[in-house]
Amino acid sequence: MRNRIAVLLAIFLCNDAALGESLNVYLGFDRNDYPGDSSAPALRKTFRYTSYWLNNLPEEKRNTWTGKRSLLKQQRFGFLVLF
């Protein structure tokens, strides 16, 4: 499954009336190959978090996400850590 892209959807329910809305939806994305440093600002306009593989992806010999955590964190992405 090379170059697949998936949109991740996380729904967090909050019962605290002080926080206002009781339902928050955050979009994220998952991709086998790192989309590139220059793509991060455009992706951040739509997505709040990304998956982040700590090891090689299934059936892959390399991990193009290695070393990209700092850059993504600077762009204010959240992470769904995968191993």
N, C-alpha and C. Protein backbone atom coordinates (compact mmCIF):
# COMPACT_ATOMS: atom_id res chain seq x y z
N MET A 1 0.83 -1.20 0.00
CA MET A 1 0.00 0.00 0.00
C MET A 1 0.87 1.25 0.00
N ARG A 2 1.67 1.42 -0.96
CA ARG A 2 2.53 2.59 -1.02
C ARG A 2 1.71 3.83 -1.35
N ASN A 3 2.16 4.95 -0.78
CA ASN A 3 1.57 6.26 -1.04
C ASN A 3 0.09 6.36 -0.73
N ARG A 4 -0.39 5.58 0.20
CA ARG A 4 -1.79 5.72 0.59
C ARG A 4 -1.91 6.92 1.52
N ILE A 5 -3.04 7.52 1.51
CA ILE A 5 -3.31 8.61 2.45
C ILE A 5 -4.67 8.35 3.08
N ALA A 6 -4.75 8.57 4.34
CA ALA A 6 -6.00 8.36 5.06
C ALA A 6 -6.25 9.58 5.93
N VAL A 7 -7.49 9.92 6.09
CA VAL A 7 -7.87 11.00 6.99
C VAL A 7 -8.32 10.36 8.29
N LEU A 8 -7.74 10.81 9.38
CA LEU A 8 -8.06 10.30 10.70
C LEU A 8 -9.02 11.27 11.37
N LEU A 9 -10.01 10.76 12.02
CA LEU A 9 -11.00 11.59 12.69
C LEU A 9 -11.07 11.17 14.15
N ALA A 10 -10.85 12.12 15.02
CA ALA A 10 -10.95 11.85 16.45
C ALA A 10 -12.07 12.71 17.01
N ILE A 11 -12.92 12.12 17.78
CA ILE A 11 -14.02 12.86 18.41
C ILE A 11 -13.82 12.77 19.92
N PHE A 12 -13.75 13.92 20.54
CA PHE A 12 -13.57 13.97 21.98
C PHE A 12 -14.83 14.57 22.59
N LEU A 13 -15.43 13.85 23.51
CA LEU A 13 -16.63 14.34 24.18
C LEU A 13 -16.22 15.01 25.49
N CYS A 14 -16.86 16.11 25.76
CA CYS A 14 -16.55 16.86 26.96
C CYS A 14 -17.85 17.17 27.69
N ASN A 15 -17.92 16.83 28.96
CA ASN A 15 -19.14 17.07 29.74
C ASN A 15 -19.10 18.39 30.50
N ASP A 16 -18.01 19.10 30.46
CA ASP A 16 -17.84 20.31 31.23
C ASP A 16 -18.56 21.48 30.55
N ALA A 17 -19.61 21.98 31.15
CA ALA A 17 -20.39 23.07 30.57
C ALA A 17 -19.54 24.34 30.45
N ALA A 18 -18.52 24.48 31.29
CA ALA A 18 -17.67 25.66 31.24
C ALA A 18 -16.87 25.73 29.95
N LEU A 19 -16.69 24.61 29.30
CA LEU A 19 -15.93 24.60 28.05
C LEU A 19 -16.80 24.90 26.84
N GLY A 20 -18.08 25.08 27.03
CA GLY A 20 -18.95 25.44 25.92
C GLY A 20 -19.42 24.24 25.14
N GLU A 21 -18.95 24.10 23.93
CA GLU A 21 -19.35 22.99 23.06
C GLU A 21 -19.09 21.65 23.74
N SER A 22 -20.00 20.72 23.54
CA SER A 22 -19.81 19.40 24.16
C SER A 22 -19.18 18.41 23.19
N LEU A 23 -19.00 18.78 21.92
CA LEU A 23 -18.43 17.87 20.95
C LEU A 23 -17.37 18.60 20.13
N ASN A 24 -16.15 18.11 20.19
CA ASN A 24 -15.06 18.68 19.42
C ASN A 24 -14.57 17.65 18.43
N VAL A 25 -14.35 18.05 17.21
CA VAL A 25 -13.88 17.15 16.16
C VAL A 25 -12.53 17.66 15.66
N TYR A 26 -11.55 16.76 15.62
CA TYR A 26 -10.22 17.12 15.15
C TYR A 26 -9.85 16.20 13.99
N LEU A 27 -9.47 16.77 12.86
CA LEU A 27 -9.05 15.99 11.71
C LEU A 27 -7.54 15.79 11.75
N GLY A 28 -7.13 14.60 11.35
CA GLY A 28 -5.72 14.30 11.23
C GLY A 28 -5.48 13.54 9.94
N PHE A 29 -4.21 13.33 9.61
CA PHE A 29 -3.92 12.57 8.41
C PHE A 29 -2.85 11.51 8.69
N ASP A 30 -2.87 10.48 7.87
CA ASP A 30 -1.91 9.39 7.96
C ASP A 30 -1.40 9.12 6.55
N ARG A 31 -0.12 8.99 6.41
CA ARG A 31 0.46 8.74 5.11
C ARG A 31 1.72 7.91 5.29
N ASN A 32 1.94 6.92 4.45
CA ASN A 32 3.14 6.10 4.56
C ASN A 32 4.40 6.92 4.32
N ASP A 33 4.43 7.67 3.26
CA ASP A 33 5.60 8.49 2.93
C ASP A 33 5.40 9.90 3.48
N TYR A 34 6.45 10.44 4.09
CA TYR A 34 6.39 11.81 4.60
C TYR A 34 6.07 12.76 3.45
N PRO A 35 5.10 13.67 3.61
CA PRO A 35 4.66 14.50 2.49
C PRO A 35 5.63 15.61 2.10
N GLY A 36 6.64 15.86 2.91
CA GLY A 36 7.62 16.91 2.60
C GLY A 36 7.49 18.10 3.52
N ASP A 37 8.62 18.69 3.85
CA ASP A 37 8.65 19.83 4.77
C ASP A 37 7.82 21.00 4.25
N SER A 38 7.86 21.24 2.95
CA SER A 38 7.15 22.38 2.39
C SER A 38 5.63 22.19 2.41
N SER A 39 5.16 20.96 2.57
CA SER A 39 3.72 20.68 2.62
C SER A 39 3.11 20.90 3.99
N ALA A 40 3.94 20.96 5.03
CA ALA A 40 3.44 21.05 6.40
C ALA A 40 2.53 22.25 6.65
N PRO A 41 2.89 23.48 6.24
CA PRO A 41 1.99 24.62 6.50
C PRO A 41 0.62 24.47 5.84
N ALA A 42 0.58 23.97 4.62
CA ALA A 42 -0.70 23.80 3.93
C ALA A 42 -1.53 22.71 4.60
N LEU A 43 -0.90 21.61 5.01
CA LEU A 43 -1.61 20.53 5.69
C LEU A 43 -2.16 21.00 7.03
N ARG A 44 -1.43 21.86 7.72
CA ARG A 44 -1.84 22.33 9.04
C ARG A 44 -3.10 23.19 8.97
N LYS A 45 -3.38 23.78 7.82
CA LYS A 45 -4.60 24.58 7.67
C LYS A 45 -5.86 23.72 7.80
N THR A 46 -5.74 22.44 7.46
CA THR A 46 -6.88 21.52 7.53
C THR A 46 -6.80 20.55 8.69
N PHE A 47 -5.60 20.07 8.98
CA PHE A 47 -5.43 18.98 9.94
C PHE A 47 -4.79 19.46 11.24
N ARG A 48 -5.26 18.90 12.37
CA ARG A 48 -4.73 19.24 13.70
C ARG A 48 -3.64 18.29 14.14
N TYR A 49 -3.67 17.05 13.64
CA TYR A 49 -2.65 16.08 14.06
C TYR A 49 -2.33 15.13 12.91
N THR A 50 -1.23 14.41 13.09
CA THR A 50 -0.79 13.44 12.11
C THR A 50 -0.35 12.17 12.83
N SER A 51 -0.44 11.06 12.13
CA SER A 51 0.17 9.86 12.69
C SER A 51 1.68 10.03 12.59
N TYR A 52 2.41 9.37 13.46
CA TYR A 52 3.87 9.47 13.44
C TYR A 52 4.43 8.09 13.78
N TRP A 53 5.05 7.47 12.79
CA TRP A 53 5.58 6.11 12.96
C TRP A 53 6.94 6.16 13.65
N LEU A 54 7.10 5.36 14.72
CA LEU A 54 8.37 5.27 15.42
C LEU A 54 9.29 4.22 14.79
N ASN A 55 8.70 3.29 14.09
CA ASN A 55 9.48 2.22 13.45
C ASN A 55 9.20 2.26 11.95
N ASN A 56 9.72 1.28 11.22
CA ASN A 56 9.38 1.18 9.80
C ASN A 56 7.91 0.78 9.67
N LEU A 57 7.27 1.32 8.67
CA LEU A 57 5.87 1.01 8.43
C LEU A 57 5.73 -0.44 8.00
N PRO A 58 4.55 -1.02 8.15
CA PRO A 58 4.36 -2.41 7.72
C PRO A 58 4.75 -2.59 6.25
N GLU A 59 5.52 -3.61 5.99
CA GLU A 59 5.97 -3.98 4.65
C GLU A 59 6.90 -2.95 4.01
N GLU A 60 7.50 -2.07 4.80
CA GLU A 60 8.44 -1.08 4.28
C GLU A 60 9.82 -1.32 4.88
N LYS A 61 10.85 -0.93 4.15
CA LYS A 61 12.23 -1.11 4.61
C LYS A 61 12.82 0.17 5.22
N ARG A 62 12.10 1.28 5.06
CA ARG A 62 12.59 2.55 5.61
C ARG A 62 11.41 3.38 6.11
N ASN A 63 11.73 4.40 6.88
CA ASN A 63 10.72 5.28 7.47
C ASN A 63 11.08 6.72 7.12
N THR A 64 10.34 7.34 6.21
CA THR A 64 10.65 8.70 5.79
C THR A 64 10.21 9.75 6.81
N TRP A 65 9.52 9.34 7.87
CA TRP A 65 9.09 10.25 8.93
C TRP A 65 10.20 10.49 9.96
N THR A 66 11.22 9.65 9.97
CA THR A 66 12.29 9.75 10.96
C THR A 66 12.93 11.14 10.91
N GLY A 67 13.05 11.76 12.07
CA GLY A 67 13.69 13.07 12.18
C GLY A 67 12.78 14.25 11.86
N LYS A 68 11.50 14.03 11.63
CA LYS A 68 10.59 15.11 11.24
C LYS A 68 9.71 15.61 12.38
N ARG A 69 9.83 15.01 13.56
CA ARG A 69 8.96 15.38 14.68
C ARG A 69 9.12 16.85 15.06
N SER A 70 10.35 17.34 15.15
CA SER A 70 10.58 18.74 15.55
C SER A 70 9.91 19.72 14.59
N LEU A 71 10.06 19.48 13.31
CA LEU A 71 9.46 20.37 12.31
C LEU A 71 7.94 20.35 12.43
N LEU A 72 7.36 19.17 12.59
CA LEU A 72 5.90 19.07 12.72
C LEU A 72 5.41 19.72 14.01
N LYS A 73 6.19 19.57 15.07
CA LYS A 73 5.82 20.20 16.35
C LYS A 73 5.87 21.72 16.22
N GLN A 74 6.84 22.25 15.49
CA GLN A 74 6.91 23.70 15.25
C GLN A 74 5.69 24.20 14.49
N GLN A 75 5.14 23.35 13.64
CA GLN A 75 3.95 23.71 12.87
C GLN A 75 2.67 23.50 13.70
N ARG A 76 2.84 23.08 14.95
CA ARG A 76 1.75 22.89 15.92
C ARG A 76 0.86 21.70 15.60
N PHE A 77 1.44 20.64 15.03
CA PHE A 77 0.71 19.39 14.84
C PHE A 77 0.70 18.61 16.13
N GLY A 78 -0.41 17.92 16.38
CA GLY A 78 -0.46 16.92 17.43
C GLY A 78 -0.05 15.59 16.79
N PHE A 79 0.16 14.57 17.62
CA PHE A 79 0.66 13.30 17.10
C PHE A 79 -0.18 12.12 17.58
N LEU A 80 -0.40 11.20 16.70
CA LEU A 80 -0.93 9.88 17.01
C LEU A 80 0.24 8.94 16.76
N VAL A 81 0.91 8.52 17.83
CA VAL A 81 2.13 7.75 17.70
C VAL A 81 1.81 6.30 17.38
N LEU A 82 2.50 5.76 16.37
CA LEU A 82 2.29 4.39 15.92
C LEU A 82 3.61 3.63 15.99
N PHE A 83 3.53 2.32 16.29
CA PHE A 83 4.71 1.47 16.30
C PHE A 83 4.33 0.13 15.74
